Amino acid sequence: MLVVSDLPDMIITWLGGSIPTWIFWTKAGFLAVFLGLTLLIRAIRPLWQYAVIFLTLFLALGLTNLVRSTAWFQGHFNYKGVSFFTGYTAIYVLDILVALTVLAVLWLMKRDRKAFFLVKGRTDASIEPVPWLGIKAGGSWSVFGWIFAGVAALGVAIPTILGIAPSGETILRAMPLLPTVLLLAAVNAFTEEAYYRCSLLSTLHETIGKTHTLLLTVVFFGLGHWLYGSPPGLLGFLMVGFLAWLLGKSMLETRGFLWPWIIHFIPDVVVFFSYALLFVGSSHAR
């Protein structure tokens, strides 16, 4: 998990270097070797589905990044003056393709949507007590789900929106972009829950247990936001890592997709609205 995460990229960046193009294929090769070992070595054979889906996810994300870097994509969707809708929608169409690829492979391996949590789930399921969060026995996701979503949105808004410090005029100019913001937040929450949570949780939790599975997904998802998150750096890692733990916990305990999507969607609205604020701010400056 650490070898193919953003950790090597972070170390190279810290050392003052630029991320080499060959690192993607090195990581992919590592995952391919790992898959081969799960098929050859009896002791780790239960991890073969995890190896398959992780390699699928890594290749799909890498290939869409290659598409985004092409001159054709940049010329059509990242040119000066491109609209907020066009620029971001093109990116998330590629993200939808990644999610559909991962879900298709999961279906081929498991042949049951419930087995990889692509169902509504029990929205009123009991929440496992977490004393340090004040969650006692008898709590329900139908209550704590909304609390977590609201707190997550507030936690994102404080460093993000306040960091931008938008004027009243900027906020008013960004309001027409709200429908696009809601669409992008909904799509991003769906795709990331599909390929970060459904994939890894469904292929790991019965093999290595709930606690270790959640920790692995926390590290992978958190590191993925260290360099490129909003906010980035240690703060982004801690915030997103904690959110990943909550999302994974909700998916495993409700045995479904709805609560993780809701808890992910609401703070994503804040994130994408901050992008809208930056977009209209830069457009106004020009």
Protein backbone atom coordinates (compact mmCIF):
# COMPACT_ATOMS: atom_id res chain seq x y z
CA MET A 1 0.00 0.00 0.00
CA LEU A 2 2.75 2.46 0.94
CA VAL A 3 4.93 1.59 -2.06
CA VAL A 4 2.21 2.41 -4.58
CA SER A 5 0.71 5.34 -2.64
CA ASP A 6 1.85 8.95 -3.00
CA LEU A 7 4.51 8.41 -0.31
CA PRO A 8 7.39 7.92 -2.82
CA ASP A 9 6.22 11.04 -4.70
CA MET A 10 6.18 12.99 -1.43
CA ILE A 11 9.71 11.89 -0.54
CA ILE A 12 11.02 12.88 -3.98
CA THR A 13 9.31 16.26 -3.65
CA TRP A 14 10.74 16.81 -0.17
CA LEU A 15 14.22 16.10 -1.55
CA GLY A 16 13.70 18.85 -4.11
CA GLY A 17 13.28 16.62 -7.14
CA SER A 18 10.51 16.32 -9.69
CA ILE A 19 8.38 13.18 -9.90
CA PRO A 20 9.80 10.99 -12.72
CA THR A 21 7.50 9.57 -15.36
CA TRP A 22 8.79 6.04 -14.81
CA ILE A 23 7.54 5.89 -11.22
CA PHE A 24 4.01 5.08 -12.37
CA TRP A 25 5.14 2.00 -14.30
CA THR A 26 7.41 0.94 -11.45
CA LYS A 27 4.47 0.97 -9.05
CA ALA A 28 2.28 -0.86 -11.57
CA GLY A 29 4.99 -3.49 -11.99
CA PHE A 30 5.21 -3.89 -8.21
CA LEU A 31 1.46 -4.51 -8.04
CA ALA A 32 1.64 -7.01 -10.91
CA VAL A 33 4.37 -8.94 -9.09
CA PHE A 34 2.32 -8.84 -5.89
CA LEU A 35 -0.68 -10.26 -7.76
CA GLY A 36 1.49 -13.04 -9.13
CA LEU A 37 2.74 -13.87 -5.64
CA THR A 38 -0.80 -14.10 -4.27
CA LEU A 39 -1.56 -16.72 -6.91
CA LEU A 40 1.64 -18.67 -6.26
CA ILE A 41 1.99 -18.55 -2.46
CA ARG A 42 -0.72 -20.30 -0.48
CA ALA A 43 -0.24 -18.19 2.65
CA ILE A 44 -1.22 -14.94 0.89
CA ARG A 45 -3.65 -16.40 -1.65
CA PRO A 46 -6.69 -14.92 0.15
CA LEU A 47 -5.37 -11.50 -0.94
CA TRP A 48 -5.67 -12.20 -4.67
CA GLN A 49 -8.90 -10.23 -5.11
CA TYR A 50 -7.36 -7.28 -3.28
CA ALA A 51 -4.32 -7.52 -5.58
CA VAL A 52 -6.53 -7.64 -8.69
CA ILE A 53 -8.68 -4.67 -7.72
CA PHE A 54 -5.74 -2.59 -6.50
CA LEU A 55 -3.89 -3.13 -9.79
CA THR A 56 -7.08 -2.30 -11.72
CA LEU A 57 -7.60 0.89 -9.73
CA PHE A 58 -3.99 1.97 -10.06
CA LEU A 59 -3.86 1.42 -13.83
CA ALA A 60 -7.22 3.09 -14.40
CA LEU A 61 -6.25 6.19 -12.40
CA GLY A 62 -2.85 6.32 -14.08
CA LEU A 63 -4.25 6.03 -17.59
CA THR A 64 -6.82 8.78 -17.01
CA ASN A 65 -4.01 11.01 -15.72
CA LEU A 66 -2.15 10.32 -18.96
CA VAL A 67 -5.24 11.31 -20.95
CA ARG A 68 -5.55 14.54 -18.97
CA SER A 69 -1.94 15.44 -19.77
CA THR A 70 -2.36 15.04 -23.54
CA ALA A 71 -2.32 18.08 -25.80
CA TRP A 72 -5.78 17.13 -27.09
CA PHE A 73 -7.33 17.15 -23.61
CA GLN A 74 -5.56 20.33 -22.56
CA GLY A 75 -6.57 22.05 -25.79
CA HIS A 76 -10.24 21.12 -25.47
CA PHE A 77 -10.84 21.31 -21.71
CA ASN A 78 -8.06 23.31 -20.05
CA TYR A 79 -7.59 26.31 -22.31
CA LYS A 80 -7.67 29.94 -21.19
CA GLY A 81 -11.27 31.02 -20.79
CA VAL A 82 -12.75 27.50 -20.47
CA SER A 83 -16.01 27.51 -18.51
CA PHE A 84 -16.20 26.14 -14.98
CA PHE A 85 -18.66 23.46 -16.11
CA THR A 86 -16.66 22.29 -19.13
CA GLY A 87 -13.29 22.23 -17.38
CA TYR A 88 -14.39 20.20 -14.38
CA THR A 89 -16.95 17.99 -16.12
CA ALA A 90 -14.31 16.66 -18.53
CA ILE A 91 -12.15 15.62 -15.57
CA TYR A 92 -15.01 13.84 -13.83
CA VAL A 93 -16.16 12.01 -16.94
CA LEU A 94 -12.76 10.31 -16.81
CA ASP A 95 -13.27 9.67 -13.10
CA ILE A 96 -16.61 8.00 -13.81
CA LEU A 97 -14.84 5.68 -16.25
CA VAL A 98 -12.38 4.72 -13.49
CA ALA A 99 -15.24 3.97 -11.09
CA LEU A 100 -17.14 1.92 -13.66
CA THR A 101 -14.03 -0.08 -14.48
CA VAL A 102 -13.41 -0.90 -10.83
CA LEU A 103 -17.07 -1.79 -10.23
CA ALA A 104 -17.10 -4.02 -13.32
CA VAL A 105 -14.06 -5.96 -12.07
CA LEU A 106 -15.63 -6.28 -8.62
CA TRP A 107 -18.78 -7.65 -10.23
CA LEU A 108 -16.81 -10.18 -12.24
CA MET A 109 -15.06 -11.39 -9.08
CA LYS A 110 -18.01 -11.40 -6.68
CA ARG A 111 -21.20 -11.53 -8.83
CA ASP A 112 -23.19 -9.81 -6.09
CA ARG A 113 -23.49 -6.04 -5.52
CA LYS A 114 -24.04 -6.61 -1.80
CA ALA A 115 -20.62 -8.24 -1.60
CA PHE A 116 -18.96 -4.95 -2.59
CA PHE A 117 -21.47 -2.64 -0.86
CA LEU A 118 -23.07 -1.19 -4.01
CA VAL A 119 -26.46 -1.15 -2.33
CA LYS A 120 -28.31 1.33 -0.11
CA GLY A 121 -27.51 -0.60 3.04
CA ARG A 122 -29.17 -0.36 6.45
CA THR A 123 -29.36 3.39 6.97
CA ASP A 124 -30.53 2.95 10.57
CA ALA A 125 -27.87 0.39 11.48
CA SER A 126 -26.29 0.59 14.93
CA ILE A 127 -23.00 2.42 15.11
CA GLU A 128 -20.16 0.67 16.88
CA PRO A 129 -19.24 2.66 20.03
CA VAL A 130 -16.23 4.97 19.84
CA PRO A 131 -15.65 6.33 23.37
CA TRP A 132 -13.11 8.98 22.35
CA LEU A 133 -15.72 10.45 19.98
CA GLY A 134 -18.46 10.30 22.56
CA ILE A 135 -20.31 7.56 20.67
CA LYS A 136 -21.90 5.18 23.14
CA ALA A 137 -23.72 1.89 22.67
CA GLY A 138 -27.19 2.28 21.20
CA GLY A 139 -26.27 4.98 18.68
CA SER A 140 -27.57 4.81 15.12
CA TRP A 141 -26.15 5.87 11.77
CA SER A 142 -29.46 7.60 11.04
CA VAL A 143 -28.41 10.16 13.68
CA PHE A 144 -24.63 10.17 13.64
CA GLY A 145 -24.42 10.10 9.85
CA TRP A 146 -25.85 13.63 9.63
CA ILE A 147 -23.68 14.79 12.51
CA PHE A 148 -20.53 13.49 10.83
CA ALA A 149 -21.50 15.04 7.49
CA GLY A 150 -22.11 18.44 9.07
CA VAL A 151 -18.92 18.40 11.13
CA ALA A 152 -16.91 17.29 8.07
CA ALA A 153 -18.32 20.17 6.02
CA LEU A 154 -17.49 22.64 8.78
CA GLY A 155 -14.00 21.16 9.16
CA VAL A 156 -13.38 21.69 5.44
CA ALA A 157 -14.95 25.16 5.36
CA ILE A 158 -12.80 26.66 8.10
CA PRO A 159 -9.37 26.22 6.46
CA THR A 160 -10.62 26.34 2.86
CA ILE A 161 -13.24 29.07 2.56
CA LEU A 162 -11.70 31.26 5.26
CA GLY A 163 -8.32 30.82 3.58
CA ILE A 164 -9.79 32.23 0.37
CA ALA A 165 -11.49 35.05 2.30
CA PRO A 166 -13.98 35.80 -0.50
CA SER A 167 -15.75 39.12 -0.67
CA GLY A 168 -19.53 39.35 -0.76
CA GLU A 169 -19.32 40.23 -4.44
CA THR A 170 -17.26 37.09 -5.18
CA ILE A 171 -19.77 34.89 -3.36
CA LEU A 172 -22.66 36.39 -5.33
CA ARG A 173 -20.81 35.88 -8.62
CA ALA A 174 -20.15 32.24 -7.69
CA MET A 175 -23.78 31.44 -6.81
CA PRO A 176 -24.86 30.73 -10.44
CA LEU A 177 -22.24 27.95 -10.43
CA LEU A 178 -23.95 26.20 -7.50
CA PRO A 179 -25.82 23.62 -9.67
CA THR A 180 -22.50 22.60 -11.22
CA VAL A 181 -20.93 22.51 -7.76
CA LEU A 182 -23.66 20.14 -6.52
CA LEU A 183 -23.30 17.91 -9.59
CA LEU A 184 -19.52 17.70 -9.25
CA ALA A 185 -19.73 17.02 -5.52
CA ALA A 186 -22.26 14.23 -6.12
CA VAL A 187 -20.14 12.63 -8.85
CA ASN A 188 -16.89 12.92 -6.92
CA ALA A 189 -18.45 11.41 -3.80
CA PHE A 190 -19.80 8.51 -5.86
CA THR A 191 -16.62 7.77 -7.80
CA GLU A 192 -14.26 8.00 -4.82
CA GLU A 193 -16.50 5.83 -2.64
CA ALA A 194 -16.67 3.30 -5.47
CA TYR A 195 -12.97 3.00 -6.19
CA TYR A 196 -11.43 3.87 -2.82
CA ARG A 197 -13.94 2.26 -0.45
CA CYS A 198 -15.99 -0.42 -2.24
CA SER A 199 -12.90 -1.86 -3.88
CA LEU A 200 -10.52 -2.09 -0.94
CA LEU A 201 -13.01 -2.75 1.87
CA SER A 202 -14.82 -5.56 0.05
CA THR A 203 -11.61 -7.40 -0.80
CA LEU A 204 -9.83 -6.96 2.53
CA HIS A 205 -12.12 -6.81 5.57
CA GLU A 206 -12.97 -10.53 5.62
CA THR A 207 -9.28 -11.43 5.22
CA ILE A 208 -7.41 -9.11 7.57
CA GLY A 209 -10.24 -7.75 9.70
CA LYS A 210 -12.09 -4.46 10.01
CA THR A 211 -9.49 -2.51 12.02
CA HIS A 212 -6.51 -3.20 9.77
CA THR A 213 -8.58 -2.68 6.62
CA LEU A 214 -9.75 0.73 7.80
CA LEU A 215 -6.21 1.77 8.72
CA LEU A 216 -4.90 0.79 5.28
CA THR A 217 -7.61 2.75 3.48
CA VAL A 218 -7.05 5.74 5.79
CA VAL A 219 -3.34 5.84 4.90
CA PHE A 220 -3.88 5.38 1.17
CA PHE A 221 -6.71 7.93 0.88
CA GLY A 222 -4.98 10.40 3.20
CA LEU A 223 -1.65 10.28 1.37
CA GLY A 224 -3.53 10.79 -1.89
CA HIS A 225 -4.54 14.22 -0.58
CA TRP A 226 -1.17 15.28 0.86
CA LEU A 227 0.20 16.71 -2.38
CA TYR A 228 -3.01 17.42 -4.28
CA GLY A 229 -5.74 17.80 -1.68
CA SER A 230 -7.80 20.74 -0.57
CA PRO A 231 -6.27 21.56 1.87
CA PRO A 232 -2.93 19.84 1.11
CA GLY A 233 -0.10 18.84 3.44
CA LEU A 234 -0.29 17.38 6.94
CA LEU A 235 -3.58 19.13 7.69
CA GLY A 236 -5.14 17.67 4.56
CA PHE A 237 -3.80 14.21 5.41
CA LEU A 238 -5.20 14.30 8.95
CA MET A 239 -8.56 15.69 7.90
CA VAL A 240 -9.05 13.40 4.94
CA GLY A 241 -7.60 10.41 6.78
CA PHE A 242 -10.10 10.85 9.58
CA LEU A 243 -12.91 11.28 7.06
CA ALA A 244 -11.78 8.11 5.27
CA TRP A 245 -12.00 6.21 8.56
CA LEU A 246 -15.55 7.46 9.12
CA LEU A 247 -16.58 6.64 5.55
CA GLY A 248 -15.12 3.15 5.74
CA LYS A 249 -16.69 2.57 9.14
CA SER A 250 -20.09 3.65 7.83
CA MET A 251 -19.82 1.39 4.78
CA LEU A 252 -18.85 -1.67 6.80
CA GLU A 253 -21.42 -1.14 9.56
CA THR A 254 -24.37 -0.25 7.31
CA ARG A 255 -23.27 -2.76 4.66
CA GLY A 256 -24.06 -0.19 1.99
CA PHE A 257 -23.20 2.87 -0.05
CA LEU A 258 -25.71 5.55 0.96
CA TRP A 259 -24.26 6.87 4.22
CA PRO A 260 -20.65 7.00 2.95
CA TRP A 261 -21.90 8.90 -0.10
CA ILE A 262 -23.88 11.42 1.99
CA ILE A 263 -21.03 12.02 4.45
CA HIS A 264 -18.65 12.48 1.49
CA PHE A 265 -21.00 14.59 -0.61
CA ILE A 266 -21.74 17.35 1.91
CA PRO A 267 -18.12 18.43 2.59
CA ASP A 268 -17.41 18.04 -1.14
CA VAL A 269 -20.01 20.76 -1.78
CA VAL A 270 -17.84 23.08 0.30
CA VAL A 271 -14.70 22.02 -1.58
CA PHE A 272 -16.20 22.55 -5.04
CA PHE A 273 -17.79 25.82 -4.03
CA SER A 274 -14.32 26.98 -3.00
CA TYR A 275 -13.16 26.06 -6.52
CA ALA A 276 -16.03 28.14 -7.89
CA LEU A 277 -14.96 31.08 -5.74
CA LEU A 278 -11.40 30.82 -7.04
CA PHE A 279 -12.68 30.51 -10.62
CA VAL A 280 -14.83 33.63 -10.52
CA GLY A 281 -12.11 35.47 -8.61
CA SER A 282 -9.51 34.72 -11.28
CA SER A 283 -11.98 35.53 -14.07
CA HIS A 284 -12.78 38.88 -12.46
CA ALA A 285 -9.06 39.63 -12.07
CA ARG A 286 -8.55 39.10 -15.79
